[in-house]
């Protein structure tokens, strides 16, 4: 299904997260894997984008999505996954403490989380909610990103 334009900023941020996962997975296959470098990259992306992304979902998108009874359990799962991913990012930021195995688990967890949001949450929202409902949530997301302090927030806005 074509992504509703109001969810595109979140989908673009998902692409950044997936790119990180691919870099980690490919990099860890090398005998000279840069463990500290990956920890640093996780901490940097989390600080510059993912934490804002999670907050926008938790404050705006998830409460909106839970209006659809079929999405309530999924939203609860996604909130729990956010907590787990935040813990990984905190460990990565604390002097690069994620081990190779933990980096592999982080990449797999983040990738699965993003795909779940794209394939289940966003698709479900597009099926359940009207274009007007999605436009309202899109406007709230735009406002959040403009006022969040996220570096490069203007790039997060949906295309006109």
C-alpha atoms as a PDB file:
ATOM      1  CA  UNK A   1       0.000   0.000   0.000  1.00  0.00           C
ATOM      2  CA  UNK A   2       1.271   3.461  -0.847  1.00  0.00           C
ATOM      3  CA  UNK A   3       2.266   5.362   2.302  1.00  0.00           C
ATOM      4  CA  UNK A   4      -0.086   8.201   3.282  1.00  0.00           C
ATOM      5  CA  UNK A   5       1.758  11.505   2.941  1.00  0.00           C
ATOM      6  CA  UNK A   6       1.099  12.306   6.611  1.00  0.00           C
ATOM      7  CA  UNK A   7       3.172   9.315   7.725  1.00  0.00           C
ATOM      8  CA  UNK A   8       6.048   9.915   5.306  1.00  0.00           C
ATOM      9  CA  UNK A   9       8.266  11.840   7.786  1.00  0.00           C
ATOM     10  CA  UNK A  10       8.188   8.854  10.133  1.00  0.00           C
ATOM     11  CA  UNK A  11       8.824   6.463   7.225  1.00  0.00           C
ATOM     12  CA  UNK A  12      11.835   8.528   6.151  1.00  0.00           C
ATOM     13  CA  UNK A  13      13.222   8.329   9.672  1.00  0.00           C
ATOM     14  CA  UNK A  14      12.595   4.578   9.569  1.00  0.00           C
ATOM     15  CA  UNK A  15      14.834   4.438   6.504  1.00  0.00           C
ATOM     16  CA  UNK A  16      17.653   6.073   8.476  1.00  0.00           C
ATOM     17  CA  UNK A  17      17.255   3.468  11.229  1.00  0.00           C
ATOM     18  CA  UNK A  18      17.215   0.596   8.737  1.00  0.00           C
ATOM     19  CA  UNK A  19      20.365   1.947   7.083  1.00  0.00           C
ATOM     20  CA  UNK A  20      22.074   1.883  10.480  1.00  0.00           C
ATOM     21  CA  UNK A  21      20.982  -1.735  10.951  1.00  0.00           C
ATOM     22  CA  UNK A  22      22.430  -2.721   7.566  1.00  0.00           C
ATOM     23  CA  UNK A  23      25.733  -0.963   8.330  1.00  0.00           C
ATOM     24  CA  UNK A  24      25.960  -2.786  11.671  1.00  0.00           C
ATOM     25  CA  UNK A  25      25.077  -6.186  10.192  1.00  0.00           C
ATOM     26  CA  UNK A  26      27.567  -5.829   7.334  1.00  0.00           C
ATOM     27  CA  UNK A  27      30.256  -4.302   9.525  1.00  0.00           C
ATOM     28  CA  UNK A  28      30.060  -7.030  12.133  1.00  0.00           C
ATOM     29  CA  UNK A  29      30.684  -9.616   9.419  1.00  0.00           C
ATOM     30  CA  UNK A  30      34.172  -8.158   9.008  1.00  0.00           C
ATOM     31  CA  UNK A  31      37.024  -9.530  11.125  1.00  0.00           C
ATOM     32  CA  UNK A  32      37.924  -5.891  11.877  1.00  0.00           C
ATOM     33  CA  UNK A  33      34.464  -4.836  13.037  1.00  0.00           C
ATOM     34  CA  UNK A  34      34.500  -1.369  14.587  1.00  0.00           C
ATOM     35  CA  UNK A  35      32.539  -2.108  17.777  1.00  0.00           C
ATOM     36  CA  UNK A  36      33.229   1.294  19.342  1.00  0.00           C
ATOM     37  CA  UNK A  37      32.331   3.021  16.073  1.00  0.00           C
ATOM     38  CA  UNK A  38      28.962   1.281  15.911  1.00  0.00           C
ATOM     39  CA  UNK A  39      28.270   2.147  19.540  1.00  0.00           C
ATOM     40  CA  UNK A  40      29.062   5.757  18.730  1.00  0.00           C
ATOM     41  CA  UNK A  41      26.845   5.736  15.646  1.00  0.00           C
ATOM     42  CA  UNK A  42      23.919   4.280  17.610  1.00  0.00           C
ATOM     43  CA  UNK A  43      24.317   6.913  20.325  1.00  0.00           C
ATOM     44  CA  UNK A  44      24.578   9.712  17.740  1.00  0.00           C
ATOM     45  CA  UNK A  45      21.536   8.650  15.672  1.00  0.00           C
ATOM     46  CA  UNK A  46      19.496   8.091  18.806  1.00  0.00           C
ATOM     47  CA  UNK A  47      20.393  11.537  20.133  1.00  0.00           C
ATOM     48  CA  UNK A  48      19.822  13.367  16.856  1.00  0.00           C
ATOM     49  CA  UNK A  49      16.721  11.600  15.550  1.00  0.00           C
ATOM     50  CA  UNK A  50      15.435   8.365  17.104  1.00  0.00           C
ATOM     51  CA  UNK A  51      14.595   9.831  20.517  1.00  0.00           C
ATOM     52  CA  UNK A  52      12.502  12.531  18.826  1.00  0.00           C
ATOM     53  CA  UNK A  53      10.909   9.935  16.593  1.00  0.00           C
ATOM     54  CA  UNK A  54       9.953   7.762  19.572  1.00  0.00           C
ATOM     55  CA  UNK A  55       8.582  10.758  21.443  1.00  0.00           C
ATOM     56  CA  UNK A  56       6.444  11.834  18.460  1.00  0.00           C
ATOM     57  CA  UNK A  57       5.056   8.328  18.203  1.00  0.00           C
ATOM     58  CA  UNK A  58       4.402   8.017  21.926  1.00  0.00           C
ATOM     59  CA  UNK A  59       2.825  11.457  22.371  1.00  0.00           C
ATOM     60  CA  UNK A  60       0.943  11.788  19.096  1.00  0.00           C
ATOM     61  CA  UNK A  61       0.807   8.710  16.883  1.00  0.00           C
ATOM     62  CA  UNK A  62       0.218   5.939  19.407  1.00  0.00           C
ATOM     63  CA  UNK A  63      -2.663   7.623  21.275  1.00  0.00           C
ATOM     64  CA  UNK A  64      -4.247   8.385  17.901  1.00  0.00           C
ATOM     65  CA  UNK A  65      -3.739   4.813  16.631  1.00  0.00           C
ATOM     66  CA  UNK A  66      -5.229   3.314  19.784  1.00  0.00           C
ATOM     67  CA  UNK A  67      -8.580   4.756  18.762  1.00  0.00           C
ATOM     68  CA  UNK A  68      -8.702   1.744  16.412  1.00  0.00           C
ATOM     69  CA  UNK A  69      -9.462  -1.292  18.582  1.00  0.00           C
ATOM     70  CA  UNK A  70      -7.553  -3.589  16.214  1.00  0.00           C
ATOM     71  CA  UNK A  71      -4.335  -1.593  16.791  1.00  0.00           C
ATOM     72  CA  UNK A  72      -4.364  -1.364  20.598  1.00  0.00           C
ATOM     73  CA  UNK A  73      -2.337  -4.493  21.345  1.00  0.00           C
ATOM     74  CA  UNK A  74       0.123  -3.635  18.597  1.00  0.00           C
ATOM     75  CA  UNK A  75       0.674  -0.157  20.040  1.00  0.00           C
ATOM     76  CA  UNK A  76       1.298  -1.694  23.464  1.00  0.00           C
ATOM     77  CA  UNK A  77       3.953  -3.984  21.921  1.00  0.00           C
ATOM     78  CA  UNK A  78       5.596  -1.057  20.142  1.00  0.00           C
ATOM     79  CA  UNK A  79       5.811   0.932  23.392  1.00  0.00           C
ATOM     80  CA  UNK A  80       7.597  -1.984  25.081  1.00  0.00           C
ATOM     81  CA  UNK A  81       9.988  -2.247  22.131  1.00  0.00           C
ATOM     82  CA  UNK A  82      10.763   1.480  22.440  1.00  0.00           C
ATOM     83  CA  UNK A  83      11.809   0.867  26.045  1.00  0.00           C
ATOM     84  CA  UNK A  84      14.109  -1.977  25.053  1.00  0.00           C
ATOM     85  CA  UNK A  85      15.666   0.016  22.204  1.00  0.00           C
ATOM     86  CA  UNK A  86      16.217   2.995  24.524  1.00  0.00           C
ATOM     87  CA  UNK A  87      18.166   0.716  26.880  1.00  0.00           C
ATOM     88  CA  UNK A  88      20.419  -0.431  24.039  1.00  0.00           C
ATOM     89  CA  UNK A  89      21.035   3.191  23.020  1.00  0.00           C
ATOM     90  CA  UNK A  90      21.839   4.180  26.609  1.00  0.00           C
ATOM     91  CA  UNK A  91      24.369   1.353  26.870  1.00  0.00           C
ATOM     92  CA  UNK A  92      25.889   2.322  23.523  1.00  0.00           C
ATOM     93  CA  UNK A  93      26.232   5.926  24.715  1.00  0.00           C
ATOM     94  CA  UNK A  94      27.859   4.855  27.990  1.00  0.00           C
ATOM     95  CA  UNK A  95      31.418   4.519  26.689  1.00  0.00           C
ATOM     96  CA  UNK A  96      30.446   2.103  23.903  1.00  0.00           C
ATOM     97  CA  UNK A  97      29.327  -0.744  26.100  1.00  0.00           C
ATOM     98  CA  UNK A  98      27.420  -2.867  23.568  1.00  0.00           C
ATOM     99  CA  UNK A  99      29.283  -6.058  22.694  1.00  0.00           C
ATOM    100  CA  UNK A 100      29.300  -7.614  19.239  1.00  0.00           C
ATOM    101  CA  UNK A 101      26.441  -9.929  20.227  1.00  0.00           C
ATOM    102  CA  UNK A 102      24.456  -7.025  21.687  1.00  0.00           C
ATOM    103  CA  UNK A 103      25.052  -4.963  18.536  1.00  0.00           C
ATOM    104  CA  UNK A 104      23.708  -7.842  16.450  1.00  0.00           C
ATOM    105  CA  UNK A 105      20.658  -8.101  18.699  1.00  0.00           C
ATOM    106  CA  UNK A 106      20.133  -4.328  18.623  1.00  0.00           C
ATOM    107  CA  UNK A 107      20.246  -4.245  14.807  1.00  0.00           C
ATOM    108  CA  UNK A 108      17.835  -7.175  14.522  1.00  0.00           C
ATOM    109  CA  UNK A 109      15.475  -5.673  17.119  1.00  0.00           C
ATOM    110  CA  UNK A 110      15.450  -2.200  15.575  1.00  0.00           C
ATOM    111  CA  UNK A 111      14.935  -3.608  12.088  1.00  0.00           C
ATOM    112  CA  UNK A 112      12.023  -5.809  13.224  1.00  0.00           C
ATOM    113  CA  UNK A 113      10.498  -2.877  15.126  1.00  0.00           C
ATOM    114  CA  UNK A 114      10.627  -0.564  12.100  1.00  0.00           C
ATOM    115  CA  UNK A 115       9.136  -3.214   9.838  1.00  0.00           C
ATOM    116  CA  UNK A 116       6.342  -3.860  12.340  1.00  0.00           C
ATOM    117  CA  UNK A 117       5.475  -0.165  12.428  1.00  0.00           C
ATOM    118  CA  UNK A 118       5.550   0.124   8.636  1.00  0.00           C
ATOM    119  CA  UNK A 119       3.723  -3.109   7.794  1.00  0.00           C
ATOM    120  CA  UNK A 120       1.272  -3.342  10.667  1.00  0.00           C
ATOM    121  CA  UNK A 121       0.777   0.022  12.362  1.00  0.00           C
ATOM    122  CA  UNK A 122       0.931   2.363   9.378  1.00  0.00           C
ATOM    123  CA  UNK A 123      -0.990  -0.007   7.109  1.00  0.00           C
ATOM    124  CA  UNK A 124      -3.624  -0.492   9.818  1.00  0.00           C
ATOM    125  CA  UNK A 125      -3.948   3.234  10.375  1.00  0.00           C
ATOM    126  CA  UNK A 126      -4.380   3.844   6.664  1.00  0.00           C
ATOM    127  CA  UNK A 127      -7.140   1.241   6.522  1.00  0.00           C
ATOM    128  CA  UNK A 128      -8.988   2.398   9.646  1.00  0.00           C
ATOM    129  CA  UNK A 129      -8.699   6.192   9.591  1.00  0.00           C
ATOM    130  CA  UNK A 130     -10.037   8.684   7.090  1.00  0.00           C
ATOM    131  CA  UNK A 131      -7.839  11.002   5.044  1.00  0.00           C
ATOM    132  CA  UNK A 132      -9.011  13.857   7.266  1.00  0.00           C
ATOM    133  CA  UNK A 133      -8.011  11.978  10.431  1.00  0.00           C
ATOM    134  CA  UNK A 134      -4.577  11.242   8.988  1.00  0.00           C
ATOM    135  CA  UNK A 135      -4.184  14.887   7.932  1.00  0.00           C
ATOM    136  CA  UNK A 136      -4.907  15.985  11.512  1.00  0.00           C
ATOM    137  CA  UNK A 137      -2.307  13.603  12.951  1.00  0.00           C
ATOM    138  CA  UNK A 138       0.123  14.681  10.217  1.00  0.00           C
ATOM    139  CA  UNK A 139      -0.310  18.326  11.227  1.00  0.00           C
ATOM    140  CA  UNK A 140       0.337  17.402  14.873  1.00  0.00           C
ATOM    141  CA  UNK A 141       3.498  15.529  13.854  1.00  0.00           C
ATOM    142  CA  UNK A 142       4.659  18.524  11.788  1.00  0.00           C
ATOM    143  CA  UNK A 143       4.135  20.818  14.753  1.00  0.00           C
ATOM    144  CA  UNK A 144       5.958  18.446  17.072  1.00  0.00           C
ATOM    145  CA  UNK A 145       9.001  18.179  14.808  1.00  0.00           C
ATOM    146  CA  UNK A 146       9.151  21.938  14.226  1.00  0.00           C
ATOM    147  CA  UNK A 147       9.125  22.608  17.966  1.00  0.00           C
ATOM    148  CA  UNK A 148      11.029  19.562  19.240  1.00  0.00           C
ATOM    149  CA  UNK A 149      14.561  20.875  18.952  1.00  0.00           C
ATOM    150  CA  UNK A 150      15.472  17.951  16.717  1.00  0.00           C
ATOM    151  CA  UNK A 151      18.457  18.835  14.547  1.00  0.00           C
ATOM    152  CA  UNK A 152      17.307  19.161  10.950  1.00  0.00           C
ATOM    153  CA  UNK A 153      13.655  19.132  11.995  1.00  0.00           C
ATOM    154  CA  UNK A 154      12.584  21.071   8.930  1.00  0.00           C
ATOM    155  CA  UNK A 155      13.645  18.074   6.850  1.00  0.00           C
ATOM    156  CA  UNK A 156      11.212  15.925   8.801  1.00  0.00           C
ATOM    157  CA  UNK A 157       8.129  17.682   7.469  1.00  0.00           C
ATOM    158  CA  UNK A 158       5.894  15.839   5.069  1.00  0.00           C
ATOM    159  CA  UNK A 159       6.011  16.811   1.396  1.00  0.00           C
ATOM    160  CA  UNK A 160       3.387  19.305   0.290  1.00  0.00           C
END
